[in-house]
């Protein structure tokens, strides 16, 4: 799985939208583990704190869940995911 670099305009929102669209588009399937925060930060060309902030929003929105030491796509059906603009 490949993540795009994020432009400087609204970096956190760009990360949120990219991951959210990958989940909705089924590129990231339910149960899939995301790369570590360090790897995501490197791939997207941003700091780890920025990735952490975006992941917190996606967890709160119900797209992701943290288990043990990983971050995973929720197994909720897409239709039941909350619709929010972040």
C-alpha atoms as a PDB file:
ATOM      1  CA  UNK A   1       0.000   0.000   0.000  1.00  0.00           C
ATOM      2  CA  UNK A   2       1.329   3.403  -0.960  1.00  0.00           C
ATOM      3  CA  UNK A   3       0.458   6.745   0.604  1.00  0.00           C
ATOM      4  CA  UNK A   4       0.868  10.082  -1.179  1.00  0.00           C
ATOM      5  CA  UNK A   5       2.823  13.013   0.187  1.00  0.00           C
ATOM      6  CA  UNK A   6       0.632  15.742   1.637  1.00  0.00           C
ATOM      7  CA  UNK A   7       0.863  19.377   0.504  1.00  0.00           C
ATOM      8  CA  UNK A   8       1.385  22.121   3.053  1.00  0.00           C
ATOM      9  CA  UNK A   9      -2.252  23.292   2.988  1.00  0.00           C
ATOM     10  CA  UNK A  10      -4.130  21.779   5.910  1.00  0.00           C
ATOM     11  CA  UNK A  11      -1.794  18.873   6.456  1.00  0.00           C
ATOM     12  CA  UNK A  12      -3.831  17.038   9.106  1.00  0.00           C
ATOM     13  CA  UNK A  13      -7.014  17.357   7.046  1.00  0.00           C
ATOM     14  CA  UNK A  14      -5.157  16.065   3.986  1.00  0.00           C
ATOM     15  CA  UNK A  15      -4.005  12.985   5.890  1.00  0.00           C
ATOM     16  CA  UNK A  16      -7.500  12.393   7.274  1.00  0.00           C
ATOM     17  CA  UNK A  17      -9.072  12.672   3.818  1.00  0.00           C
ATOM     18  CA  UNK A  18      -6.483  10.406   2.201  1.00  0.00           C
ATOM     19  CA  UNK A  19      -6.879   7.608   4.749  1.00  0.00           C
ATOM     20  CA  UNK A  20     -10.669   8.038   4.889  1.00  0.00           C
ATOM     21  CA  UNK A  21     -10.962   7.785   1.092  1.00  0.00           C
ATOM     22  CA  UNK A  22      -8.725   4.695   1.077  1.00  0.00           C
ATOM     23  CA  UNK A  23     -11.076   3.070   3.607  1.00  0.00           C
ATOM     24  CA  UNK A  24     -14.243   4.076   1.745  1.00  0.00           C
ATOM     25  CA  UNK A  25     -12.683   3.037  -1.584  1.00  0.00           C
ATOM     26  CA  UNK A  26     -11.785  -0.332  -0.048  1.00  0.00           C
ATOM     27  CA  UNK A  27      -8.051   0.148  -0.682  1.00  0.00           C
ATOM     28  CA  UNK A  28      -7.690  -0.275   3.078  1.00  0.00           C
ATOM     29  CA  UNK A  29      -9.942  -3.182   3.964  1.00  0.00           C
ATOM     30  CA  UNK A  30     -11.579  -3.836   7.345  1.00  0.00           C
ATOM     31  CA  UNK A  31      -9.078  -5.406   9.715  1.00  0.00           C
ATOM     32  CA  UNK A  32      -6.049  -4.112   7.775  1.00  0.00           C
ATOM     33  CA  UNK A  33      -3.231  -2.788   9.914  1.00  0.00           C
ATOM     34  CA  UNK A  34      -1.815   0.621   9.029  1.00  0.00           C
ATOM     35  CA  UNK A  35       1.943   1.100   8.941  1.00  0.00           C
ATOM     36  CA  UNK A  36       3.526   2.533  12.082  1.00  0.00           C
ATOM     37  CA  UNK A  37       3.272   6.263  12.750  1.00  0.00           C
ATOM     38  CA  UNK A  38       6.952   6.559  11.848  1.00  0.00           C
ATOM     39  CA  UNK A  39       6.481   4.864   8.463  1.00  0.00           C
ATOM     40  CA  UNK A  40       3.347   6.877   7.661  1.00  0.00           C
ATOM     41  CA  UNK A  41       5.170  10.091   8.560  1.00  0.00           C
ATOM     42  CA  UNK A  42       8.082   9.158   6.317  1.00  0.00           C
ATOM     43  CA  UNK A  43       5.830   8.179   3.369  1.00  0.00           C
ATOM     44  CA  UNK A  44       3.713  11.325   3.646  1.00  0.00           C
ATOM     45  CA  UNK A  45       6.600  13.685   4.343  1.00  0.00           C
ATOM     46  CA  UNK A  46       5.196  15.000   7.632  1.00  0.00           C
ATOM     47  CA  UNK A  47       6.059  14.740  11.315  1.00  0.00           C
ATOM     48  CA  UNK A  48       4.957  11.886  13.541  1.00  0.00           C
ATOM     49  CA  UNK A  49       2.877  14.243  15.712  1.00  0.00           C
ATOM     50  CA  UNK A  50       0.884  15.296  12.639  1.00  0.00           C
ATOM     51  CA  UNK A  51       0.156  11.650  11.832  1.00  0.00           C
ATOM     52  CA  UNK A  52      -0.827  11.003  15.450  1.00  0.00           C
ATOM     53  CA  UNK A  53      -3.268  13.935  15.398  1.00  0.00           C
ATOM     54  CA  UNK A  54      -4.916  12.709  12.171  1.00  0.00           C
ATOM     55  CA  UNK A  55      -5.187   9.135  13.475  1.00  0.00           C
ATOM     56  CA  UNK A  56      -6.875  10.369  16.662  1.00  0.00           C
ATOM     57  CA  UNK A  57      -9.574  12.055  14.566  1.00  0.00           C
ATOM     58  CA  UNK A  58     -10.073   8.920  12.451  1.00  0.00           C
ATOM     59  CA  UNK A  59     -10.312   6.776  15.592  1.00  0.00           C
ATOM     60  CA  UNK A  60     -12.871   9.156  17.084  1.00  0.00           C
ATOM     61  CA  UNK A  61     -14.843   9.104  13.809  1.00  0.00           C
ATOM     62  CA  UNK A  62     -14.948   5.301  13.874  1.00  0.00           C
ATOM     63  CA  UNK A  63     -12.761   4.608  10.835  1.00  0.00           C
ATOM     64  CA  UNK A  64      -9.832   3.204  12.824  1.00  0.00           C
ATOM     65  CA  UNK A  65      -9.247   1.385  16.089  1.00  0.00           C
ATOM     66  CA  UNK A  66      -6.096   0.896  18.176  1.00  0.00           C
ATOM     67  CA  UNK A  67      -5.409  -2.606  19.424  1.00  0.00           C
ATOM     68  CA  UNK A  68      -2.265  -3.633  21.242  1.00  0.00           C
ATOM     69  CA  UNK A  69       0.492  -1.749  19.427  1.00  0.00           C
ATOM     70  CA  UNK A  70      -1.230  -1.297  16.066  1.00  0.00           C
ATOM     71  CA  UNK A  71      -3.826   0.807  14.310  1.00  0.00           C
ATOM     72  CA  UNK A  72      -6.424  -1.095  12.314  1.00  0.00           C
ATOM     73  CA  UNK A  73      -9.287  -0.290   9.957  1.00  0.00           C
ATOM     74  CA  UNK A  74     -12.577  -0.945  11.737  1.00  0.00           C
ATOM     75  CA  UNK A  75     -14.700  -3.846  10.572  1.00  0.00           C
ATOM     76  CA  UNK A  76     -17.839  -1.703  10.619  1.00  0.00           C
ATOM     77  CA  UNK A  77     -19.783  -1.739   7.357  1.00  0.00           C
ATOM     78  CA  UNK A  78     -19.159   1.514   5.475  1.00  0.00           C
ATOM     79  CA  UNK A  79     -22.884   2.363   5.589  1.00  0.00           C
ATOM     80  CA  UNK A  80     -22.782   2.463   9.390  1.00  0.00           C
ATOM     81  CA  UNK A  81     -19.720   4.710   9.634  1.00  0.00           C
ATOM     82  CA  UNK A  82     -20.511   8.137  11.026  1.00  0.00           C
ATOM     83  CA  UNK A  83     -20.743  10.900   8.457  1.00  0.00           C
ATOM     84  CA  UNK A  84     -18.699  13.855   9.692  1.00  0.00           C
ATOM     85  CA  UNK A  85     -16.677  16.564   8.058  1.00  0.00           C
ATOM     86  CA  UNK A  86     -13.250  16.811   9.639  1.00  0.00           C
END
